[in-house]
């Protein structure tokens, strides 16, 4: 069943968050935060793809993930600086891995590279131990709050994308790139960034997104309250979908 989820957060030192820590988590890499001196150790087994996206005129050294994280932090002097935006978006389970990568490429190229913003992206498999057909692949994207040029990060912040309208734009774009992928692959499936109420789908409950801690517990085989709620919502929606399907009349045996 097609599933749409997209959220954006701000990575802020003032909120106790580290851009290096976020990148370490999404990429499953051990990285050292040059601002705090803390080292983040992550050896995730569910990262199936990762990439650094750079504008064409960016320094080549930015292809090194530790170097890039260092430069992001060095560009911010304030203790409460907002260092990056983080995006999490669901990906179609019905499509092959190459299409999932293409979805991320198209989204980043049109929404960030075109503004000289770089991005660090990764795909997490989102395993379902009981039923692989219900895997929940999803993308993590980290975008620094400064544009990149030949000399590195701009002295000026990217304030343009602080406008609230971009949240709607990004949500809509995330749906559009997925729908293009469905169409390329000949699948009569579409997702929408609009709420179920706006879509007129009152008979389907919106799903919930597991927190990182709950997701990790579920991956270890531990049941969580949030995981149980998500499974219950999925089961109820599956039941509703089956009830909406037209029932076939039993075939009558022809008399001989």
Protein backbone atom coordinates (compact mmCIF):
# COMPACT_ATOMS: atom_id res chain seq x y z
CA UNK A 1 0.00 0.00 0.00
CA UNK A 2 1.35 3.43 -0.94
CA UNK A 3 2.44 5.43 2.10
CA UNK A 4 3.31 9.12 2.34
CA UNK A 5 5.34 10.62 5.15
CA UNK A 6 7.51 13.73 5.11
CA UNK A 7 8.80 15.86 7.95
CA UNK A 8 11.40 18.57 8.40
CA UNK A 9 13.29 19.63 11.52
CA UNK A 10 15.91 22.22 12.39
CA UNK A 11 19.26 21.06 13.75
CA UNK A 12 20.11 23.69 16.35
CA UNK A 13 22.93 23.86 18.87
CA UNK A 14 20.57 25.81 21.13
CA UNK A 15 18.33 22.71 21.23
CA UNK A 16 21.28 20.47 22.04
CA UNK A 17 21.54 18.96 18.56
CA UNK A 18 24.72 18.38 16.57
CA UNK A 19 24.87 18.36 12.78
CA UNK A 20 27.78 15.90 12.99
CA UNK A 21 25.73 13.67 15.27
CA UNK A 22 22.81 13.77 12.83
CA UNK A 23 25.04 12.87 9.87
CA UNK A 24 26.67 10.08 11.87
CA UNK A 25 23.23 8.64 12.63
CA UNK A 26 21.83 8.75 9.09
CA UNK A 27 25.01 7.44 7.43
CA UNK A 28 26.06 4.92 10.08
CA UNK A 29 29.53 6.47 10.27
CA UNK A 30 31.84 7.25 13.17
CA UNK A 31 32.36 11.03 13.12
CA UNK A 32 33.90 13.56 15.48
CA UNK A 33 32.11 16.83 16.26
CA UNK A 34 34.80 19.50 15.90
CA UNK A 35 32.71 22.02 17.86
CA UNK A 36 32.07 19.93 20.99
CA UNK A 37 34.89 17.40 20.67
CA UNK A 38 32.41 14.54 21.02
CA UNK A 39 32.78 11.43 18.85
CA UNK A 40 29.64 9.73 17.55
CA UNK A 41 29.88 6.00 16.99
CA UNK A 42 27.30 4.52 14.64
CA UNK A 43 27.53 1.19 12.86
CA UNK A 44 24.05 0.83 11.40
CA UNK A 45 23.28 -2.22 9.27
CA UNK A 46 20.19 -0.76 7.63
CA UNK A 47 21.90 1.99 5.59
CA UNK A 48 21.65 0.78 2.00
CA UNK A 49 22.84 3.94 0.23
CA UNK A 50 24.37 7.33 1.02
CA UNK A 51 25.71 10.28 -0.92
CA UNK A 52 27.00 13.85 -0.58
CA UNK A 53 25.37 16.25 -3.06
CA UNK A 54 27.42 19.34 -3.93
CA UNK A 55 26.89 22.33 -6.25
CA UNK A 56 29.19 22.18 -9.28
CA UNK A 57 31.44 24.97 -7.93
CA UNK A 58 31.91 23.51 -4.43
CA UNK A 59 35.41 22.63 -3.17
CA UNK A 60 36.25 19.01 -3.94
CA UNK A 61 37.36 18.52 -0.32
CA UNK A 62 33.67 18.69 0.63
CA UNK A 63 33.29 15.15 -0.75
CA UNK A 64 34.93 13.94 2.48
CA UNK A 65 32.10 13.58 5.00
CA UNK A 66 34.22 14.37 8.10
CA UNK A 67 35.74 17.42 6.41
CA UNK A 68 32.29 18.61 5.33
CA UNK A 69 30.89 18.29 8.85
CA UNK A 70 33.87 20.22 10.22
CA UNK A 71 33.27 23.04 7.75
CA UNK A 72 29.55 23.19 8.55
CA UNK A 73 30.38 23.68 12.22
CA UNK A 74 33.22 26.12 11.55
CA UNK A 75 30.87 28.31 9.51
CA UNK A 76 28.68 28.83 12.60
CA UNK A 77 30.08 30.89 15.49
CA UNK A 78 27.05 31.18 17.77
CA UNK A 79 26.45 28.66 20.58
CA UNK A 80 22.78 28.50 19.59
CA UNK A 81 23.33 28.45 15.82
CA UNK A 82 20.93 26.66 13.52
CA UNK A 83 23.37 24.55 11.53
CA UNK A 84 21.16 22.57 9.15
CA UNK A 85 17.71 21.33 8.21
CA UNK A 86 16.90 17.65 8.45
CA UNK A 87 14.30 15.91 6.29
CA UNK A 88 12.79 12.45 6.71
CA UNK A 89 10.60 11.04 3.96
CA UNK A 90 9.02 7.65 3.28
CA UNK A 91 9.95 5.88 0.05
CA UNK A 92 7.84 3.53 -2.12
CA UNK A 93 8.23 -0.08 -1.07
CA UNK A 94 6.84 -1.12 -4.46
CA UNK A 95 9.78 0.24 -6.48
CA UNK A 96 13.31 -1.13 -7.09
CA UNK A 97 16.31 0.40 -5.25
CA UNK A 98 17.48 2.35 -8.30
CA UNK A 99 14.19 4.23 -8.40
CA UNK A 100 14.47 5.17 -4.73
CA UNK A 101 17.88 6.72 -5.41
CA UNK A 102 16.48 8.59 -8.41
CA UNK A 103 13.66 10.00 -6.29
CA UNK A 104 16.20 11.49 -3.87
CA UNK A 105 18.36 12.83 -6.72
CA UNK A 106 15.42 14.61 -8.33
CA UNK A 107 14.22 16.07 -5.04
CA UNK A 108 17.63 17.40 -3.98
CA UNK A 109 18.61 18.71 -7.40
CA UNK A 110 15.44 20.79 -7.83
CA UNK A 111 15.05 22.00 -4.25
CA UNK A 112 18.61 22.48 -2.95
CA UNK A 113 21.38 22.22 -5.54
CA UNK A 114 19.57 24.80 -7.66
CA UNK A 115 20.05 27.22 -4.73
CA UNK A 116 23.74 26.26 -4.26
CA UNK A 117 22.88 24.32 -1.10
CA UNK A 118 24.64 21.01 -0.49
CA UNK A 119 23.01 17.93 1.03
CA UNK A 120 23.94 14.66 2.73
CA UNK A 121 21.45 11.87 2.07
CA UNK A 122 20.97 8.24 3.03
CA UNK A 123 18.39 5.50 2.58
CA UNK A 124 17.44 3.27 5.49
CA UNK A 125 15.89 -0.08 4.63
CA UNK A 126 13.24 -0.04 7.36
CA UNK A 127 13.02 -3.83 7.78
CA UNK A 128 9.89 -5.66 8.79
CA UNK A 129 11.07 -8.93 10.28
CA UNK A 130 7.69 -10.65 9.90
CA UNK A 131 6.74 -9.49 6.40
CA UNK A 132 9.37 -8.02 3.99
CA UNK A 133 6.56 -6.76 1.75
CA UNK A 134 5.76 -4.29 4.54
CA UNK A 135 9.27 -2.86 4.77
CA UNK A 136 9.33 0.86 5.41
CA UNK A 137 12.26 2.30 3.36
CA UNK A 138 12.83 5.97 4.03
CA UNK A 139 15.24 8.77 3.23
CA UNK A 140 17.18 11.03 5.59
CA UNK A 141 18.52 14.30 4.16
CA UNK A 142 20.63 16.93 5.97
CA UNK A 143 20.96 20.35 4.31
CA UNK A 144 23.24 23.03 5.86
CA UNK A 145 21.82 26.52 6.29
CA UNK A 146 24.46 28.22 4.15
CA UNK A 147 25.02 28.13 0.40
CA UNK A 148 28.29 26.73 -0.97
CA UNK A 149 30.68 28.46 -3.37
CA UNK A 150 34.27 27.99 -4.58
CA UNK A 151 35.58 29.32 -1.24
CA UNK A 152 33.33 27.14 0.90
CA UNK A 153 30.25 28.14 2.86
CA UNK A 154 28.78 31.59 2.35
CA UNK A 155 29.28 34.17 5.13
CA UNK A 156 25.53 34.83 4.91
CA UNK A 157 22.79 32.48 6.05
CA UNK A 158 20.21 31.09 3.65
CA UNK A 159 17.16 32.97 5.00
CA UNK A 160 15.00 32.41 1.92
CA UNK A 161 14.02 28.89 2.94
CA UNK A 162 12.99 30.00 6.43
CA UNK A 163 9.68 31.07 4.90
CA UNK A 164 6.87 28.73 5.97
CA UNK A 165 5.67 28.33 2.38
CA UNK A 166 8.68 26.09 1.68
CA UNK A 167 7.41 23.43 4.07
CA UNK A 168 4.39 23.03 1.80
CA UNK A 169 6.55 23.22 -1.33
CA UNK A 170 8.91 20.49 -0.07
CA UNK A 171 6.00 18.26 0.97
CA UNK A 172 4.38 18.65 -2.43
CA UNK A 173 7.66 18.04 -4.24
CA UNK A 174 8.26 14.85 -2.24
CA UNK A 175 4.93 13.53 -3.46
CA UNK A 176 5.55 14.60 -7.06
CA UNK A 177 8.94 12.87 -7.42
CA UNK A 178 7.44 9.65 -6.08
CA UNK A 179 4.44 9.85 -8.40
CA UNK A 180 6.74 10.33 -11.39
CA UNK A 181 8.58 7.18 -10.32
CA UNK A 182 5.32 5.24 -10.06
CA UNK A 183 4.35 6.41 -13.55
CA UNK A 184 7.77 5.49 -15.03
CA UNK A 185 7.32 1.98 -13.69
CA UNK A 186 3.79 1.58 -15.01
CA UNK A 187 2.15 1.43 -11.58
CA UNK A 188 -1.31 2.90 -11.10
CA UNK A 189 -0.39 4.23 -7.65
CA UNK A 190 -0.23 7.81 -6.42
CA UNK A 191 0.58 9.50 -3.13
CA UNK A 192 -0.51 12.93 -1.92
CA UNK A 193 1.05 15.44 0.44
CA UNK A 194 -2.41 16.62 1.50
CA UNK A 195 -4.14 15.41 4.63
CA UNK A 196 -6.65 12.57 4.44
CA UNK A 197 -9.40 15.08 5.28
CA UNK A 198 -8.48 17.30 2.32
CA UNK A 199 -8.31 14.21 0.08
CA UNK A 200 -11.77 13.19 1.28
CA UNK A 201 -10.48 9.88 2.63
CA UNK A 202 -12.29 9.79 5.94
CA UNK A 203 -12.26 5.98 6.03
CA UNK A 204 -8.50 5.64 6.38
CA UNK A 205 -6.55 6.58 9.50
CA UNK A 206 -3.28 8.46 9.18
CA UNK A 207 -0.32 6.34 10.22
CA UNK A 208 2.25 7.43 12.80
CA UNK A 209 6.03 7.72 12.58
CA UNK A 210 8.12 5.88 15.15
CA UNK A 211 10.73 7.78 17.12
CA UNK A 212 14.35 6.76 16.64
CA UNK A 213 14.40 5.01 20.04
CA UNK A 214 11.17 3.10 19.41
CA UNK A 215 12.34 2.14 15.91
CA UNK A 216 15.62 0.78 17.30
CA UNK A 217 13.75 -1.25 19.93
CA UNK A 218 11.44 -2.69 17.28
CA UNK A 219 14.46 -3.65 15.17
CA UNK A 220 15.82 -5.60 18.15
CA UNK A 221 12.55 -7.50 18.36
CA UNK A 222 11.12 -5.49 21.29
CA UNK A 223 7.49 -4.42 21.04
CA UNK A 224 6.78 -0.78 21.87
CA UNK A 225 3.53 1.07 22.57
CA UNK A 226 4.06 3.25 19.50
CA UNK A 227 4.84 0.21 17.38
CA UNK A 228 1.65 -1.50 18.57
CA UNK A 229 -0.38 1.61 17.69
CA UNK A 230 1.16 1.73 14.22
CA UNK A 231 0.44 -1.96 13.63
CA UNK A 232 -3.14 -1.52 14.84
CA UNK A 233 -3.69 1.41 12.47
CA UNK A 234 -2.22 -0.59 9.59
CA UNK A 235 -4.45 -3.57 10.35
CA UNK A 236 -7.57 -1.40 10.56
CA UNK A 237 -6.73 0.29 7.26
CA UNK A 238 -6.10 -3.09 5.61
CA UNK A 239 -9.46 -4.30 6.88
CA UNK A 240 -11.22 -1.22 5.52
CA UNK A 241 -9.49 -1.66 2.15
CA UNK A 242 -10.69 -5.27 1.95
CA UNK A 243 -14.25 -4.25 2.84
CA UNK A 244 -14.27 -1.67 0.03
CA UNK A 245 -13.40 -4.29 -2.57
CA UNK A 246 -16.48 -5.49 -4.51
CA UNK A 247 -17.56 -9.01 -3.60
CA UNK A 248 -17.71 -11.52 -6.41
CA UNK A 249 -20.97 -13.33 -6.90
CA UNK A 250 -20.59 -17.12 -6.70
CA UNK A 251 -20.56 -18.70 -10.11
CA UNK A 252 -23.60 -20.81 -10.86
CA UNK A 253 -23.06 -24.27 -12.22
CA UNK A 254 -24.72 -24.70 -15.57
CA UNK A 255 -27.17 -27.60 -15.76
CA UNK A 256 -26.27 -30.23 -18.28
